[in-house]
Amino acid sequence: MNHRHFELWPGEKLVAQRRGNEVFMEPSRNNTEALPYLYRIAQGSSGGFEFQPMEFVDQPNDAYKAKHEAVVSNTAFLQDYASTLRDHNLLSKFGLFVLHREDIVGNQTLETAAGPRALTVTAADTGSAAAAAGKHDVDMEVRTVIFTAPEVPNIKHLCKHNNCGHFGIR
């Protein structure tokens, strides 16, 4: 789902870094090694689609670089994906996410503030247990969000988890 955590200043990009069994995200400048993992999709005035990078992974490994290249070079898939979202009025709601942190925090995550302009991403089961036990900052809002992709022709679920919301083109 498309969302912003906070405004970025000119020249900044939101970059995710592995820190132990968590992912730490903060604005960064001049990080030329970071590759995007989250893209917002917009339709240009000429009718074509633009994939705008929104969030980045710091120092990606070779496996991620190969996965990223396979996705961004597959223009037929990207066109079909964007067209399907547009046809169902979902372009403003969904983007394109290239998986990169499933081996660190799994596929169900909890994002929490780690300062005014930083986030920590942890496995949802760990974070949810702590939140349920009341072990969170007083000023932190805790809410459970369950999302399932809508039934849309030509879109199938790719994830092995039930109701995870990850989907792709058939």
Protein backbone atom coordinates (compact mmCIF):
# COMPACT_ATOMS: atom_id res chain seq x y z
CA MET A 1 0.00 0.00 0.00
CA ASN A 2 1.23 3.47 -0.83
CA HIS A 3 1.96 5.52 2.27
CA ARG A 4 4.38 8.08 3.66
CA HIS A 5 5.84 8.10 7.09
CA PHE A 6 6.94 11.75 7.05
CA GLU A 7 7.98 14.41 4.58
CA LEU A 8 11.42 14.15 3.07
CA TRP A 9 13.52 17.24 2.49
CA PRO A 10 14.98 18.04 -0.94
CA GLY A 11 17.76 15.61 -1.81
CA GLU A 12 16.70 13.01 0.78
CA LYS A 13 15.48 9.46 0.28
CA LEU A 14 14.13 7.02 2.84
CA VAL A 15 16.73 4.24 3.19
CA ALA A 16 16.35 0.90 4.98
CA GLN A 17 19.37 -0.65 6.70
CA ARG A 18 19.67 -4.02 8.39
CA ARG A 19 20.45 -3.77 12.09
CA GLY A 20 20.55 -7.22 13.63
CA ASN A 21 17.08 -8.74 13.37
CA GLU A 22 15.44 -5.38 12.60
CA VAL A 23 15.31 -2.96 9.70
CA PHE A 24 16.05 0.67 10.53
CA MET A 25 14.78 3.35 8.14
CA GLU A 26 15.83 6.99 8.05
CA PRO A 27 16.33 9.78 5.51
CA SER A 28 19.69 9.79 3.78
CA ARG A 29 21.47 12.07 1.33
CA ASN A 30 24.10 11.13 -1.25
CA ASN A 31 23.58 7.38 -0.83
CA THR A 32 24.34 6.28 -4.38
CA GLU A 33 24.51 2.57 -3.52
CA ALA A 34 20.89 2.33 -2.34
CA LEU A 35 18.40 0.69 -4.71
CA PRO A 36 14.63 1.26 -4.61
CA TYR A 37 12.32 -1.41 -3.24
CA LEU A 38 9.05 0.56 -3.14
CA TYR A 39 7.73 2.37 -6.20
CA ARG A 40 4.72 4.60 -6.55
CA ILE A 41 3.06 4.25 -9.96
CA ALA A 42 1.62 7.26 -11.75
CA GLN A 43 0.13 7.65 -15.18
CA GLY A 44 1.77 10.41 -17.17
CA SER A 45 -0.04 12.89 -19.41
CA SER A 46 0.97 10.84 -22.47
CA GLY A 47 -0.77 7.77 -20.99
CA GLY A 48 2.40 5.88 -20.09
CA PHE A 49 3.26 4.81 -16.56
CA GLU A 50 5.99 6.22 -14.35
CA PHE A 51 7.50 4.12 -11.57
CA GLN A 52 8.68 6.61 -8.95
CA PRO A 53 11.07 5.29 -6.27
CA MET A 54 9.79 5.97 -2.74
CA GLU A 55 11.89 3.82 -0.38
CA PHE A 56 15.36 2.31 -0.79
CA VAL A 57 17.48 -0.53 0.59
CA ASP A 58 21.02 0.35 1.69
CA GLN A 59 23.95 -1.68 0.33
CA PRO A 60 21.83 -4.34 -1.38
CA ASN A 61 23.42 -7.76 -1.82
CA ASP A 62 23.87 -9.41 -5.21
CA ALA A 63 20.72 -11.50 -4.81
CA TYR A 64 18.61 -8.35 -4.27
CA LYS A 65 20.31 -6.57 -7.17
CA ALA A 66 19.44 -9.49 -9.47
CA LYS A 67 15.84 -9.62 -8.19
CA HIS A 68 15.47 -5.85 -8.62
CA GLU A 69 16.87 -5.97 -12.16
CA ALA A 70 14.56 -8.85 -13.09
CA VAL A 71 11.54 -6.81 -11.96
CA VAL A 72 12.42 -3.40 -13.41
CA SER A 73 13.58 -4.84 -16.74
CA ASN A 74 10.34 -6.80 -17.28
CA THR A 75 8.47 -4.04 -19.10
CA ALA A 76 5.60 -6.33 -20.15
CA PHE A 77 4.91 -7.26 -16.51
CA LEU A 78 5.20 -3.63 -15.35
CA GLN A 79 2.79 -2.44 -18.06
CA ASP A 80 0.26 -5.20 -17.24
CA TYR A 81 0.56 -4.58 -13.51
CA ALA A 82 0.11 -0.82 -13.80
CA SER A 83 -2.73 -1.16 -16.33
CA THR A 84 -4.60 -3.57 -14.08
CA LEU A 85 -4.25 -1.24 -11.10
CA ARG A 86 -5.40 1.72 -13.22
CA ASP A 87 -8.36 -0.18 -14.67
CA HIS A 88 -9.61 -0.89 -11.15
CA ASN A 89 -8.89 2.61 -9.76
CA LEU A 90 -6.12 1.30 -7.51
CA LEU A 91 -3.09 3.30 -8.76
CA SER A 92 -3.31 5.74 -5.86
CA LYS A 93 -3.55 2.94 -3.30
CA PHE A 94 -0.95 0.39 -4.42
CA GLY A 95 2.60 0.54 -5.65
CA LEU A 96 5.26 -2.00 -6.46
CA PHE A 97 7.27 -3.55 -3.61
CA VAL A 98 10.34 -5.68 -4.34
CA LEU A 99 10.77 -8.06 -1.39
CA HIS A 100 14.03 -7.51 0.46
CA ARG A 101 13.55 -8.04 4.17
CA GLU A 102 11.73 -11.37 4.50
CA ASP A 103 14.92 -13.09 5.71
CA ILE A 104 15.38 -10.40 8.42
CA VAL A 105 11.89 -9.74 9.82
CA GLY A 106 9.64 -12.10 7.89
CA ASN A 107 6.61 -11.22 5.83
CA GLN A 108 4.42 -9.76 8.61
CA THR A 109 5.96 -6.65 10.07
CA LEU A 110 5.39 -3.86 12.55
CA GLU A 111 6.71 -0.36 11.84
CA THR A 112 7.35 1.82 14.89
CA ALA A 113 8.81 5.28 15.31
CA ALA A 114 12.50 5.34 16.19
CA GLY A 115 12.70 9.11 16.48
CA PRO A 116 10.98 12.01 14.75
CA ARG A 117 12.21 10.96 11.30
CA ALA A 118 13.16 7.31 11.64
CA LEU A 119 11.42 3.93 11.81
CA THR A 120 12.20 0.46 13.04
CA VAL A 121 10.64 -2.53 11.28
CA THR A 122 10.35 -5.73 13.33
CA ALA A 123 8.55 -9.05 12.97
CA ALA A 124 4.87 -8.46 13.76
CA ASP A 125 4.62 -11.36 16.19
CA THR A 126 7.41 -9.93 18.37
CA GLY A 127 6.17 -6.35 18.14
CA SER A 128 2.52 -7.27 18.63
CA ALA A 129 3.29 -9.28 21.74
CA ALA A 130 5.19 -6.36 23.24
CA ALA A 131 2.43 -3.93 22.33
CA ALA A 132 -0.27 -6.23 23.71
CA ALA A 133 1.68 -6.46 26.95
CA GLY A 134 1.73 -2.65 27.12
CA LYS A 135 5.47 -2.45 26.48
CA HIS A 136 5.53 0.52 24.14
CA ASP A 137 6.16 4.24 24.34
CA VAL A 138 3.38 6.26 25.93
CA ASP A 139 3.08 8.50 22.85
CA MET A 140 2.95 5.58 20.42
CA GLU A 141 -0.35 4.73 18.80
CA VAL A 142 -0.80 0.98 18.43
CA ARG A 143 -3.39 -0.30 16.00
CA THR A 144 -3.81 -3.55 14.16
CA VAL A 145 -4.29 -3.24 10.42
CA ILE A 146 -5.38 -6.28 8.47
CA PHE A 147 -5.42 -5.87 4.74
CA THR A 148 -6.53 -8.23 2.01
CA ALA A 149 -6.16 -7.40 -1.69
CA PRO A 150 -9.55 -6.85 -3.33
CA GLU A 151 -10.88 -9.42 -5.76
CA VAL A 152 -9.72 -8.12 -9.13
CA PRO A 153 -9.65 -10.12 -12.37
CA ASN A 154 -6.13 -11.10 -13.52
CA ILE A 155 -4.62 -10.54 -10.07
CA LYS A 156 -3.60 -13.51 -7.99
CA HIS A 157 -2.11 -13.85 -4.54
CA LEU A 158 1.58 -14.76 -4.63
CA CYS A 159 2.28 -15.16 -0.96
CA LYS A 160 1.98 -18.47 0.90
CA HIS A 161 0.34 -16.77 3.90
CA ASN A 162 -3.44 -16.46 4.09
CA ASN A 163 -4.82 -12.96 3.58
CA CYS A 164 -1.41 -11.30 3.42
CA GLY A 165 -2.34 -8.83 0.69
CA HIS A 166 0.67 -9.51 -1.59
CA PHE A 167 -0.43 -10.00 -5.14
CA GLY A 168 0.68 -9.99 -8.76
CA ILE A 169 -0.49 -10.38 -12.32
CA ARG A 170 -1.72 -13.72 -13.69
